[in-house]
Amino acid sequence: MRSSGSSSLNYGEAQGTITSKDFIFKVSLSVKELKESRNSLKVLDNIKSGDSEERKWLLTEVEELIAIASKMINNKK
């Protein structure tokens, strides 16, 4: 839960940055937290905790968010 919330907060901070370097840093933190969330979801999927369809949906969403944030970083470089 913390890593998923942290990624959102870090992205919010990135939106208020002045320099590209600071933006890249904040979004990179968001990607790091998203990857942590992905790992937690994979553990939950491995132990079959919760609804199977919801786990699949959440894993798809986190993968898409990682891809979007990574693309944003690459575009700023």
C-alpha atoms as a PDB file:
ATOM      1  CA  MET A   1       0.000   0.000   0.000  1.00  0.00           C
ATOM      2  CA  ARG A   2       2.748   2.463   0.915  1.00  0.00           C
ATOM      3  CA  SER A   3       4.695   2.012  -2.315  1.00  0.00           C
ATOM      4  CA  SER A   4       1.580   2.545  -4.432  1.00  0.00           C
ATOM      5  CA  GLY A   5       0.666   5.716  -2.567  1.00  0.00           C
ATOM      6  CA  SER A   6       4.226   6.972  -2.629  1.00  0.00           C
ATOM      7  CA  SER A   7       4.446   6.710  -6.413  1.00  0.00           C
ATOM      8  CA  SER A   8       1.420   8.957  -6.748  1.00  0.00           C
ATOM      9  CA  LEU A   9       2.812  11.510  -4.308  1.00  0.00           C
ATOM     10  CA  ASN A  10       6.188  11.554  -6.051  1.00  0.00           C
ATOM     11  CA  TYR A  11       4.485  12.119  -9.396  1.00  0.00           C
ATOM     12  CA  GLY A  12       2.527  14.994  -7.862  1.00  0.00           C
ATOM     13  CA  GLU A  13       5.796  16.549  -6.735  1.00  0.00           C
ATOM     14  CA  ALA A  14       7.236  16.071 -10.239  1.00  0.00           C
ATOM     15  CA  GLN A  15       4.406  18.118 -11.700  1.00  0.00           C
ATOM     16  CA  GLY A  16       5.489  21.108  -9.630  1.00  0.00           C
ATOM     17  CA  THR A  17       9.179  21.035 -10.512  1.00  0.00           C
ATOM     18  CA  ILE A  18      10.970  23.881 -12.242  1.00  0.00           C
ATOM     19  CA  THR A  19      13.892  22.096 -13.888  1.00  0.00           C
ATOM     20  CA  SER A  20      13.963  19.054 -16.154  1.00  0.00           C
ATOM     21  CA  LYS A  21      16.607  17.483 -13.927  1.00  0.00           C
ATOM     22  CA  ASP A  22      14.327  17.719 -10.875  1.00  0.00           C
ATOM     23  CA  PHE A  23      11.379  16.393 -12.906  1.00  0.00           C
ATOM     24  CA  ILE A  24      13.405  13.386 -14.044  1.00  0.00           C
ATOM     25  CA  PHE A  25      14.514  12.715 -10.470  1.00  0.00           C
ATOM     26  CA  LYS A  26      10.970  12.837  -9.065  1.00  0.00           C
ATOM     27  CA  VAL A  27       9.481  10.689 -11.831  1.00  0.00           C
ATOM     28  CA  SER A  28      12.358   8.231 -11.396  1.00  0.00           C
ATOM     29  CA  LEU A  29      11.373   7.910  -7.745  1.00  0.00           C
ATOM     30  CA  SER A  30       7.817   7.262  -8.865  1.00  0.00           C
ATOM     31  CA  VAL A  31       9.007   4.494 -11.217  1.00  0.00           C
ATOM     32  CA  LYS A  32      11.015   2.953  -8.387  1.00  0.00           C
ATOM     33  CA  GLU A  33       7.921   2.854  -6.180  1.00  0.00           C
ATOM     34  CA  LEU A  34       5.799   1.454  -9.021  1.00  0.00           C
ATOM     35  CA  LYS A  35       8.319  -1.355  -9.472  1.00  0.00           C
ATOM     36  CA  GLU A  36       8.118  -2.060  -5.756  1.00  0.00           C
ATOM     37  CA  SER A  37       4.326  -2.242  -6.059  1.00  0.00           C
ATOM     38  CA  ARG A  38       4.694  -4.595  -9.022  1.00  0.00           C
ATOM     39  CA  ASN A  39       6.885  -6.901  -6.945  1.00  0.00           C
ATOM     40  CA  SER A  40       4.334  -6.905  -4.126  1.00  0.00           C
ATOM     41  CA  LEU A  41       1.569  -7.725  -6.597  1.00  0.00           C
ATOM     42  CA  LYS A  42       3.631 -10.583  -8.024  1.00  0.00           C
ATOM     43  CA  VAL A  43       4.034 -12.015  -4.534  1.00  0.00           C
ATOM     44  CA  LEU A  44       0.277 -11.773  -3.998  1.00  0.00           C
ATOM     45  CA  ASP A  45      -0.286 -13.427  -7.368  1.00  0.00           C
ATOM     46  CA  ASN A  46       2.152 -16.215  -6.516  1.00  0.00           C
ATOM     47  CA  ILE A  47       0.369 -17.043  -3.260  1.00  0.00           C
ATOM     48  CA  LYS A  48      -3.026 -16.603  -4.959  1.00  0.00           C
ATOM     49  CA  SER A  49      -4.197 -13.943  -2.510  1.00  0.00           C
ATOM     50  CA  GLY A  50      -7.402 -12.157  -3.451  1.00  0.00           C
ATOM     51  CA  ASP A  51      -9.366 -12.232  -6.672  1.00  0.00           C
ATOM     52  CA  SER A  52      -7.476 -13.609  -9.696  1.00  0.00           C
ATOM     53  CA  GLU A  53      -8.983 -11.139 -12.175  1.00  0.00           C
ATOM     54  CA  GLU A  54      -8.244  -8.182  -9.921  1.00  0.00           C
ATOM     55  CA  ARG A  55      -4.624  -9.294  -9.506  1.00  0.00           C
ATOM     56  CA  LYS A  56      -4.230  -9.547 -13.287  1.00  0.00           C
ATOM     57  CA  TRP A  57      -5.817  -6.128 -13.789  1.00  0.00           C
ATOM     58  CA  LEU A  58      -3.583  -4.513 -11.161  1.00  0.00           C
ATOM     59  CA  LEU A  59      -0.448  -6.060 -12.647  1.00  0.00           C
ATOM     60  CA  THR A  60      -1.440  -4.780 -16.090  1.00  0.00           C
ATOM     61  CA  GLU A  61      -2.099  -1.300 -14.699  1.00  0.00           C
ATOM     62  CA  VAL A  62       1.218  -1.086 -12.866  1.00  0.00           C
ATOM     63  CA  GLU A  63       3.087  -2.231 -15.995  1.00  0.00           C
ATOM     64  CA  GLU A  64       1.346   0.471 -18.030  1.00  0.00           C
ATOM     65  CA  LEU A  65       2.134   3.139 -15.435  1.00  0.00           C
ATOM     66  CA  ILE A  66       5.802   2.117 -15.401  1.00  0.00           C
ATOM     67  CA  ALA A  67       5.905   2.336 -19.204  1.00  0.00           C
ATOM     68  CA  ILE A  68       4.239   5.779 -19.220  1.00  0.00           C
ATOM     69  CA  ALA A  69       6.513   7.210 -16.537  1.00  0.00           C
ATOM     70  CA  SER A  70       9.607   5.766 -18.209  1.00  0.00           C
ATOM     71  CA  LYS A  71       8.577   7.335 -21.513  1.00  0.00           C
ATOM     72  CA  MET A  72       8.131  10.691 -19.753  1.00  0.00           C
ATOM     73  CA  ILE A  73      11.679  10.439 -18.415  1.00  0.00           C
ATOM     74  CA  ASN A  74      13.085   9.570 -21.840  1.00  0.00           C
ATOM     75  CA  ASN A  75      11.220  12.482 -23.435  1.00  0.00           C
ATOM     76  CA  LYS A  76      12.707  14.937 -20.919  1.00  0.00           C
ATOM     77  CA  LYS A  77      16.288  13.795 -21.576  1.00  0.00           C
END
